[in-house]
N, C-alpha and C. Protein backbone atom coordinates (compact mmCIF):
# COMPACT_ATOMS: atom_id res chain seq x y z
N MET A 1 -19.50 21.67 7.40
CA MET A 1 -18.42 21.02 6.68
C MET A 1 -18.97 20.53 5.34
N LYS A 2 -18.39 21.02 4.27
CA LYS A 2 -18.89 20.64 2.95
C LYS A 2 -18.44 19.23 2.58
N ILE A 3 -19.23 18.60 1.72
CA ILE A 3 -18.91 17.26 1.24
C ILE A 3 -17.98 17.39 0.05
N LEU A 4 -16.89 16.65 0.09
CA LEU A 4 -15.92 16.67 -1.01
C LEU A 4 -16.30 15.64 -2.07
N PRO A 5 -16.09 15.97 -3.35
CA PRO A 5 -16.38 15.00 -4.40
C PRO A 5 -15.46 13.79 -4.27
N ARG A 6 -15.95 12.63 -4.72
CA ARG A 6 -15.19 11.39 -4.57
C ARG A 6 -15.51 10.44 -5.71
N ASN A 7 -14.49 10.07 -6.48
CA ASN A 7 -14.64 9.12 -7.57
C ASN A 7 -14.46 7.71 -7.00
N LYS A 8 -15.56 7.02 -6.76
CA LYS A 8 -15.52 5.71 -6.11
C LYS A 8 -14.82 4.65 -6.96
N LYS A 9 -14.64 4.91 -8.25
CA LYS A 9 -13.92 3.97 -9.11
C LYS A 9 -12.45 3.86 -8.71
N LEU A 10 -11.96 4.84 -7.96
CA LEU A 10 -10.55 4.83 -7.52
C LEU A 10 -10.32 4.01 -6.25
N LYS A 11 -11.37 3.46 -5.67
CA LYS A 11 -11.24 2.71 -4.41
C LYS A 11 -10.20 1.58 -4.49
N PRO A 12 -10.22 0.73 -5.53
CA PRO A 12 -9.19 -0.32 -5.60
C PRO A 12 -7.77 0.25 -5.64
N HIS A 13 -7.61 1.35 -6.36
CA HIS A 13 -6.28 1.98 -6.46
C HIS A 13 -5.86 2.55 -5.11
N SER A 14 -6.76 3.24 -4.42
CA SER A 14 -6.40 3.81 -3.12
C SER A 14 -6.10 2.70 -2.11
N THR A 15 -6.82 1.60 -2.19
CA THR A 15 -6.55 0.46 -1.30
C THR A 15 -5.17 -0.12 -1.57
N GLN A 16 -4.83 -0.26 -2.84
CA GLN A 16 -3.50 -0.77 -3.19
C GLN A 16 -2.41 0.16 -2.68
N LEU A 17 -2.59 1.46 -2.86
CA LEU A 17 -1.60 2.42 -2.37
C LEU A 17 -1.47 2.37 -0.84
N ARG A 18 -2.58 2.17 -0.16
CA ARG A 18 -2.57 2.08 1.30
C ARG A 18 -1.84 0.81 1.76
N ASN A 19 -2.01 -0.26 0.99
CA ASN A 19 -1.38 -1.54 1.35
C ASN A 19 0.09 -1.63 0.94
N GLU A 20 0.53 -0.73 0.06
CA GLU A 20 1.91 -0.76 -0.43
C GLU A 20 2.53 0.64 -0.34
N PRO A 21 2.67 1.17 0.88
CA PRO A 21 3.21 2.53 1.01
C PRO A 21 4.70 2.58 0.69
N THR A 22 5.14 3.77 0.31
CA THR A 22 6.58 3.98 0.16
C THR A 22 7.20 3.98 1.56
N PRO A 23 8.51 3.80 1.66
CA PRO A 23 9.13 3.85 3.00
C PRO A 23 8.85 5.18 3.73
N GLN A 24 8.82 6.27 2.97
CA GLN A 24 8.58 7.58 3.59
C GLN A 24 7.13 7.70 4.06
N GLU A 25 6.18 7.21 3.28
CA GLU A 25 4.77 7.22 3.70
C GLU A 25 4.60 6.37 4.96
N ARG A 26 5.22 5.21 4.96
CA ARG A 26 5.14 4.32 6.12
C ARG A 26 5.70 5.01 7.37
N ARG A 27 6.84 5.65 7.22
CA ARG A 27 7.46 6.31 8.37
C ARG A 27 6.58 7.43 8.90
N LEU A 28 6.08 8.29 8.01
CA LEU A 28 5.24 9.41 8.45
C LEU A 28 3.96 8.90 9.11
N TRP A 29 3.37 7.87 8.54
CA TRP A 29 2.12 7.33 9.10
C TRP A 29 2.34 6.69 10.47
N TYR A 30 3.26 5.73 10.53
CA TYR A 30 3.41 4.96 11.78
C TYR A 30 4.15 5.71 12.88
N ASN A 31 4.98 6.67 12.52
CA ASN A 31 5.74 7.39 13.54
C ASN A 31 5.16 8.75 13.90
N PHE A 32 4.05 9.14 13.22
CA PHE A 32 3.48 10.45 13.55
C PHE A 32 1.98 10.55 13.32
N LEU A 33 1.53 10.44 12.08
CA LEU A 33 0.14 10.77 11.76
C LEU A 33 -0.88 9.79 12.32
N ARG A 34 -0.54 8.53 12.44
CA ARG A 34 -1.51 7.53 12.89
C ARG A 34 -2.08 7.86 14.27
N THR A 35 -1.24 8.45 15.12
CA THR A 35 -1.69 8.77 16.48
C THR A 35 -1.89 10.27 16.68
N ALA A 36 -1.70 11.05 15.64
CA ALA A 36 -1.86 12.50 15.76
C ALA A 36 -3.33 12.87 15.91
N SER A 37 -3.54 14.01 16.51
CA SER A 37 -4.90 14.53 16.66
C SER A 37 -4.93 15.90 16.00
N PRO A 38 -5.97 16.17 15.22
CA PRO A 38 -7.13 15.34 14.90
C PRO A 38 -6.76 14.20 13.96
N GLN A 39 -7.74 13.37 13.65
CA GLN A 39 -7.54 12.16 12.88
C GLN A 39 -7.09 12.44 11.45
N TRP A 40 -6.21 11.57 10.97
CA TRP A 40 -5.72 11.61 9.59
C TRP A 40 -6.14 10.34 8.87
N ASN A 41 -6.28 10.44 7.54
CA ASN A 41 -6.56 9.28 6.69
C ASN A 41 -5.44 9.14 5.68
N ARG A 42 -5.17 7.89 5.29
CA ARG A 42 -4.16 7.62 4.27
C ARG A 42 -4.84 7.35 2.94
N GLN A 43 -4.20 7.78 1.87
CA GLN A 43 -4.63 7.49 0.51
C GLN A 43 -6.13 7.77 0.34
N ARG A 44 -6.51 8.98 0.62
CA ARG A 44 -7.92 9.42 0.59
C ARG A 44 -8.28 9.89 -0.81
N ILE A 45 -9.42 9.44 -1.30
CA ILE A 45 -9.91 9.86 -2.62
C ILE A 45 -10.61 11.20 -2.47
N ILE A 46 -10.17 12.17 -3.28
CA ILE A 46 -10.84 13.46 -3.38
C ILE A 46 -11.03 13.72 -4.87
N ASP A 47 -12.27 13.62 -5.30
CA ASP A 47 -12.65 13.71 -6.70
C ASP A 47 -11.89 12.64 -7.49
N SER A 48 -11.08 13.03 -8.46
CA SER A 48 -10.35 12.05 -9.27
C SER A 48 -8.90 11.89 -8.84
N TYR A 49 -8.59 12.31 -7.64
CA TYR A 49 -7.23 12.23 -7.11
C TYR A 49 -7.21 11.37 -5.85
N VAL A 50 -6.07 10.73 -5.62
CA VAL A 50 -5.83 10.03 -4.36
C VAL A 50 -4.69 10.77 -3.68
N VAL A 51 -5.00 11.40 -2.54
CA VAL A 51 -3.97 12.15 -1.83
C VAL A 51 -3.30 11.24 -0.81
N ASP A 52 -2.04 11.51 -0.50
CA ASP A 52 -1.30 10.65 0.41
C ASP A 52 -1.92 10.64 1.81
N PHE A 53 -2.14 11.83 2.37
CA PHE A 53 -2.71 11.94 3.72
C PHE A 53 -3.70 13.10 3.74
N PHE A 54 -4.76 12.95 4.54
CA PHE A 54 -5.81 13.97 4.59
C PHE A 54 -6.36 14.09 6.01
N CYS A 55 -6.43 15.32 6.50
CA CYS A 55 -7.05 15.62 7.78
C CYS A 55 -8.30 16.45 7.49
N ARG A 56 -9.46 15.84 7.68
CA ARG A 56 -10.73 16.50 7.35
C ARG A 56 -11.00 17.71 8.23
N LYS A 57 -10.72 17.56 9.52
CA LYS A 57 -11.03 18.67 10.44
C LYS A 57 -10.24 19.93 10.12
N ALA A 58 -9.02 19.75 9.60
CA ALA A 58 -8.18 20.90 9.26
C ALA A 58 -8.20 21.20 7.76
N ASP A 59 -8.93 20.41 6.99
CA ASP A 59 -8.92 20.56 5.53
C ASP A 59 -7.49 20.66 5.00
N LEU A 60 -6.68 19.71 5.44
CA LEU A 60 -5.25 19.72 5.14
C LEU A 60 -4.84 18.43 4.44
N VAL A 61 -4.12 18.58 3.34
CA VAL A 61 -3.60 17.46 2.55
C VAL A 61 -2.08 17.47 2.67
N ILE A 62 -1.51 16.28 2.81
CA ILE A 62 -0.05 16.14 2.79
C ILE A 62 0.30 15.23 1.62
N GLU A 63 1.22 15.70 0.80
CA GLU A 63 1.72 14.93 -0.33
C GLU A 63 3.22 14.72 -0.14
N LEU A 64 3.67 13.48 -0.29
CA LEU A 64 5.09 13.16 -0.25
C LEU A 64 5.54 12.91 -1.69
N ASP A 65 6.59 13.57 -2.09
CA ASP A 65 7.00 13.56 -3.48
C ASP A 65 8.40 12.98 -3.66
N GLY A 66 8.48 11.95 -4.50
CA GLY A 66 9.77 11.44 -4.94
C GLY A 66 10.25 12.23 -6.13
N GLY A 67 11.36 11.84 -6.69
CA GLY A 67 11.95 12.56 -7.82
C GLY A 67 11.07 12.66 -9.04
N GLN A 68 10.14 11.71 -9.22
CA GLN A 68 9.27 11.71 -10.39
C GLN A 68 8.30 12.89 -10.39
N HIS A 69 8.18 13.59 -9.29
CA HIS A 69 7.25 14.73 -9.19
C HIS A 69 7.89 16.05 -9.62
N TYR A 70 9.17 16.02 -9.97
CA TYR A 70 9.88 17.25 -10.30
C TYR A 70 10.58 17.11 -11.64
N ASP A 71 10.65 18.24 -12.35
CA ASP A 71 11.47 18.31 -13.56
C ASP A 71 12.44 19.46 -13.37
N GLY A 72 13.12 19.87 -14.42
CA GLY A 72 14.10 20.95 -14.30
C GLY A 72 13.52 22.27 -13.84
N ASP A 73 12.22 22.47 -14.03
CA ASP A 73 11.58 23.73 -13.65
C ASP A 73 10.86 23.65 -12.31
N GLY A 74 10.95 22.54 -11.63
CA GLY A 74 10.27 22.39 -10.34
C GLY A 74 9.18 21.33 -10.42
N LEU A 75 8.10 21.56 -9.72
CA LEU A 75 6.99 20.61 -9.65
C LEU A 75 6.39 20.40 -11.04
N ILE A 76 6.15 19.13 -11.42
CA ILE A 76 5.60 18.87 -12.75
C ILE A 76 4.18 19.42 -12.86
N GLU A 77 3.76 19.66 -14.10
CA GLU A 77 2.49 20.33 -14.35
C GLU A 77 1.30 19.57 -13.75
N TYR A 78 1.28 18.24 -13.84
CA TYR A 78 0.18 17.46 -13.28
C TYR A 78 -0.01 17.76 -11.80
N ASP A 79 1.09 17.81 -11.06
CA ASP A 79 1.00 18.08 -9.62
C ASP A 79 0.60 19.52 -9.35
N GLN A 80 1.03 20.45 -10.20
CA GLN A 80 0.61 21.84 -10.03
C GLN A 80 -0.89 21.98 -10.22
N VAL A 81 -1.41 21.34 -11.28
CA VAL A 81 -2.86 21.39 -11.56
C VAL A 81 -3.63 20.75 -10.41
N ARG A 82 -3.14 19.63 -9.94
CA ARG A 82 -3.78 18.91 -8.83
C ARG A 82 -3.83 19.78 -7.58
N THR A 83 -2.71 20.42 -7.25
CA THR A 83 -2.66 21.29 -6.07
C THR A 83 -3.63 22.45 -6.23
N GLU A 84 -3.66 23.07 -7.40
CA GLU A 84 -4.57 24.19 -7.63
C GLU A 84 -6.03 23.75 -7.47
N TYR A 85 -6.36 22.56 -7.97
CA TYR A 85 -7.72 22.05 -7.85
C TYR A 85 -8.09 21.82 -6.39
N LEU A 86 -7.21 21.16 -5.65
CA LEU A 86 -7.49 20.89 -4.24
C LEU A 86 -7.63 22.19 -3.44
N GLU A 87 -6.80 23.16 -3.75
CA GLU A 87 -6.89 24.45 -3.06
C GLU A 87 -8.18 25.18 -3.43
N ALA A 88 -8.67 24.99 -4.65
CA ALA A 88 -9.95 25.58 -5.05
C ALA A 88 -11.11 24.99 -4.25
N LEU A 89 -10.92 23.78 -3.74
CA LEU A 89 -11.93 23.15 -2.87
C LEU A 89 -11.83 23.65 -1.43
N GLY A 90 -10.86 24.53 -1.16
CA GLY A 90 -10.68 25.06 0.19
C GLY A 90 -9.69 24.27 1.02
N LEU A 91 -8.95 23.37 0.40
CA LEU A 91 -7.97 22.56 1.11
C LEU A 91 -6.59 23.20 1.02
N LYS A 92 -5.79 22.98 2.03
CA LYS A 92 -4.40 23.41 2.02
C LYS A 92 -3.55 22.19 1.72
N VAL A 93 -2.61 22.32 0.79
CA VAL A 93 -1.74 21.20 0.42
C VAL A 93 -0.32 21.49 0.89
N LEU A 94 0.20 20.60 1.72
CA LEU A 94 1.61 20.65 2.12
C LEU A 94 2.35 19.57 1.36
N ARG A 95 3.45 19.94 0.71
CA ARG A 95 4.25 18.98 -0.04
C ARG A 95 5.62 18.86 0.61
N PHE A 96 6.06 17.62 0.73
CA PHE A 96 7.39 17.34 1.25
C PHE A 96 8.08 16.37 0.30
N LYS A 97 9.35 16.63 0.05
CA LYS A 97 10.15 15.69 -0.73
C LYS A 97 10.47 14.49 0.16
N ASN A 98 10.62 13.33 -0.47
CA ASN A 98 10.99 12.14 0.29
C ASN A 98 12.27 12.36 1.09
N SER A 99 13.19 13.12 0.53
CA SER A 99 14.46 13.38 1.22
C SER A 99 14.23 14.16 2.52
N GLU A 100 13.18 14.99 2.58
CA GLU A 100 12.88 15.70 3.81
C GLU A 100 12.41 14.73 4.90
N ILE A 101 11.63 13.73 4.51
CA ILE A 101 11.20 12.71 5.47
C ILE A 101 12.41 11.93 5.96
N ASP A 102 13.30 11.59 5.04
CA ASP A 102 14.50 10.82 5.38
C ASP A 102 15.47 11.59 6.26
N ASN A 103 15.66 12.88 5.97
CA ASN A 103 16.74 13.64 6.62
C ASN A 103 16.30 14.66 7.65
N SER A 104 15.03 15.06 7.64
CA SER A 104 14.57 16.12 8.55
C SER A 104 13.21 15.78 9.15
N PHE A 105 13.05 14.52 9.56
CA PHE A 105 11.75 14.04 10.02
C PHE A 105 11.15 14.88 11.15
N PRO A 106 11.89 15.22 12.20
CA PRO A 106 11.29 16.04 13.27
C PRO A 106 10.80 17.40 12.77
N ALA A 107 11.53 18.01 11.86
CA ALA A 107 11.12 19.32 11.32
C ALA A 107 9.85 19.18 10.49
N VAL A 108 9.73 18.10 9.73
CA VAL A 108 8.52 17.85 8.93
C VAL A 108 7.32 17.69 9.86
N CYS A 109 7.47 16.89 10.90
CA CYS A 109 6.38 16.67 11.86
C CYS A 109 5.97 17.98 12.53
N LYS A 110 6.95 18.78 12.88
CA LYS A 110 6.67 20.07 13.52
C LYS A 110 5.89 20.99 12.56
N LYS A 111 6.29 21.02 11.31
CA LYS A 111 5.60 21.86 10.32
C LYS A 111 4.16 21.38 10.12
N ILE A 112 3.96 20.06 10.05
CA ILE A 112 2.61 19.52 9.90
C ILE A 112 1.76 19.89 11.11
N GLN A 113 2.30 19.72 12.29
CA GLN A 113 1.55 20.03 13.51
C GLN A 113 1.20 21.51 13.59
N SER A 114 2.15 22.37 13.28
CA SER A 114 1.87 23.81 13.37
C SER A 114 0.85 24.23 12.31
N GLU A 115 0.93 23.67 11.11
CA GLU A 115 -0.04 24.01 10.06
C GLU A 115 -1.43 23.47 10.41
N THR A 116 -1.47 22.29 11.01
CA THR A 116 -2.76 21.72 11.45
C THR A 116 -3.41 22.64 12.47
N LEU A 117 -2.66 23.06 13.47
CA LEU A 117 -3.20 23.96 14.50
C LEU A 117 -3.62 25.29 13.91
N ARG A 118 -2.83 25.82 12.99
CA ARG A 118 -3.17 27.09 12.34
C ARG A 118 -4.48 26.96 11.56
N ARG A 119 -4.61 25.88 10.82
CA ARG A 119 -5.83 25.66 10.03
C ARG A 119 -7.06 25.46 10.93
N LEU A 120 -6.90 24.71 12.00
CA LEU A 120 -8.01 24.50 12.93
C LEU A 120 -8.48 25.82 13.52
N ALA A 121 -7.53 26.67 13.91
CA ALA A 121 -7.89 27.98 14.47
C ALA A 121 -8.60 28.83 13.41
N LYS A 122 -8.09 28.83 12.20
CA LYS A 122 -8.68 29.61 11.11
C LYS A 122 -10.10 29.13 10.81
N LEU A 123 -10.29 27.82 10.72
CA LEU A 123 -11.62 27.27 10.43
C LEU A 123 -12.58 27.51 11.58
N SER A 124 -12.07 27.49 12.81
CA SER A 124 -12.91 27.76 13.98
C SER A 124 -13.41 29.21 13.96
N GLN A 125 -12.53 30.14 13.62
CA GLN A 125 -12.92 31.55 13.52
C GLN A 125 -13.97 31.74 12.44
N LYS A 126 -13.81 31.03 11.34
CA LYS A 126 -14.76 31.12 10.23
C LYS A 126 -16.15 30.64 10.69
N GLU A 127 -16.18 29.56 11.45
CA GLU A 127 -17.45 29.02 11.95
C GLU A 127 -18.12 29.99 12.93
N GLU A 128 -17.31 30.65 13.76
CA GLU A 128 -17.86 31.59 14.76
C GLU A 128 -18.52 32.78 14.09
N ARG A 129 -18.04 33.16 12.91
CA ARG A 129 -18.59 34.32 12.20
C ARG A 129 -19.94 34.03 11.57
N LYS A 130 -20.26 32.76 11.38
CA LYS A 130 -21.51 32.39 10.72
C LYS A 130 -22.72 32.63 11.59
């Protein structure tokens, strides 16, 4: 398992975000991810970014996006660059709109669980080949 870069100067910011979650972050954490297996972390620093949720064993990031993350053409450029960078590190990024958490919570949880299992299987196969 490779070590991910981490900008420790972001620690106060990540702590603040963890202590002041959005209603959707709170719902996903307390009603699903907190007790999910494998373990998840909230507001995890990866290089110069703070991701909403991170599962190290599956190399999976979950981002919850409010309206500020989108413009008329879709995802704003900052978030596109961020996703491309995280994926270049070998991470998979799943993005959900806040409205999906509000209106389709069971479907979101199911998608997260299935992607987690898929990633774990893929990473396990990769390890077996070594």
